[in-house]
Protein backbone atom coordinates (compact mmCIF):
# COMPACT_ATOMS: atom_id res chain seq x y z
CA UNK A 1 9.82 -21.38 12.64
CA UNK A 2 10.78 -23.95 10.05
CA UNK A 3 13.58 -23.27 7.62
CA UNK A 4 12.56 -22.42 4.11
CA UNK A 5 14.50 -23.05 0.92
CA UNK A 6 14.72 -20.12 -1.46
CA UNK A 7 14.23 -21.01 -5.12
CA UNK A 8 17.35 -20.56 -7.26
CA UNK A 9 16.95 -18.93 -10.64
CA UNK A 10 17.02 -21.10 -13.75
CA UNK A 11 20.49 -21.66 -15.26
CA UNK A 12 22.14 -19.92 -12.28
CA UNK A 13 21.39 -16.50 -13.81
CA UNK A 14 20.97 -14.08 -10.93
CA UNK A 15 18.96 -11.13 -12.18
CA UNK A 16 18.08 -8.00 -10.25
CA UNK A 17 14.54 -9.21 -9.48
CA UNK A 18 15.88 -12.38 -7.85
CA UNK A 19 18.50 -10.46 -5.84
CA UNK A 20 15.92 -7.89 -4.71
CA UNK A 21 13.66 -10.70 -3.53
CA UNK A 22 16.54 -12.44 -1.78
CA UNK A 23 17.62 -9.24 0.00
CA UNK A 24 14.03 -8.55 1.04
CA UNK A 25 13.65 -12.05 2.47
CA UNK A 26 16.95 -11.80 4.36
CA UNK A 27 15.98 -8.43 5.82
CA UNK A 28 12.59 -9.81 6.89
CA UNK A 29 14.13 -12.89 8.55
CA UNK A 30 16.81 -10.77 10.23
CA UNK A 31 14.09 -8.58 11.71
CA UNK A 32 12.62 -11.64 13.46
CA UNK A 33 15.83 -12.19 15.46
CA UNK A 34 16.89 -10.61 18.75
CA UNK A 35 20.06 -8.55 18.63
CA UNK A 36 22.70 -8.11 21.32
CA UNK A 37 21.85 -5.10 23.48
CA UNK A 38 18.28 -4.97 22.17
CA UNK A 39 15.39 -4.36 24.57
CA UNK A 40 12.95 -7.28 24.58
CA UNK A 41 9.31 -6.78 25.53
CA UNK A 42 7.08 -9.83 25.89
CA UNK A 43 3.38 -9.06 25.79
CA UNK A 44 1.33 -11.45 27.91
CA UNK A 45 -1.57 -11.12 25.48
CA UNK A 46 0.23 -12.83 22.59
CA UNK A 47 1.41 -16.02 24.35
CA UNK A 48 5.07 -14.97 24.23
CA UNK A 49 7.08 -16.50 27.07
CA UNK A 50 10.52 -15.82 28.51
CA UNK A 51 12.30 -19.04 29.48
CA UNK A 52 15.73 -19.02 31.08
CA UNK A 53 17.92 -22.12 31.39
CA UNK A 54 20.02 -22.67 34.51
CA UNK A 55 23.54 -24.13 34.48
CA UNK A 56 22.16 -27.61 35.21
CA UNK A 57 19.72 -27.39 32.28
CA UNK A 58 16.52 -26.71 34.24
CA UNK A 59 14.19 -24.37 32.35
CA UNK A 60 12.31 -21.60 34.17
CA UNK A 61 9.45 -19.53 32.77
CA UNK A 62 9.61 -15.94 34.00
CA UNK A 63 6.32 -14.16 34.71
CA UNK A 64 5.33 -10.80 36.16
CA UNK A 65 2.02 -9.95 37.81
CA UNK A 66 0.10 -6.71 37.32
CA UNK A 67 1.57 -5.61 40.68
CA UNK A 68 5.11 -6.07 39.30
CA UNK A 69 5.89 -9.25 41.23
CA UNK A 70 8.35 -11.41 39.29
CA UNK A 71 8.17 -15.20 39.62
CA UNK A 72 9.95 -18.15 38.06
CA UNK A 73 8.26 -21.50 37.46
CA UNK A 74 10.08 -24.66 36.40
CA UNK A 75 8.87 -25.75 32.98
CA UNK A 76 9.59 -28.37 30.35
């Protein structure tokens, strides 16, 4: 996701409407991030992938079959 610049109010006057919008945007963006200790579920139907990086920098995509077999495939 690309970064987005939030518009500053004119004359640096921060009114309640601007602050409410800013807080709402921050809460929305925060909700898109993973948190420490959070359970992560990747649904195969939405193209989400789990990629782990080894110590030498090789990237591996983790997949699970309908039988529960876990596999790792080197990826770019």
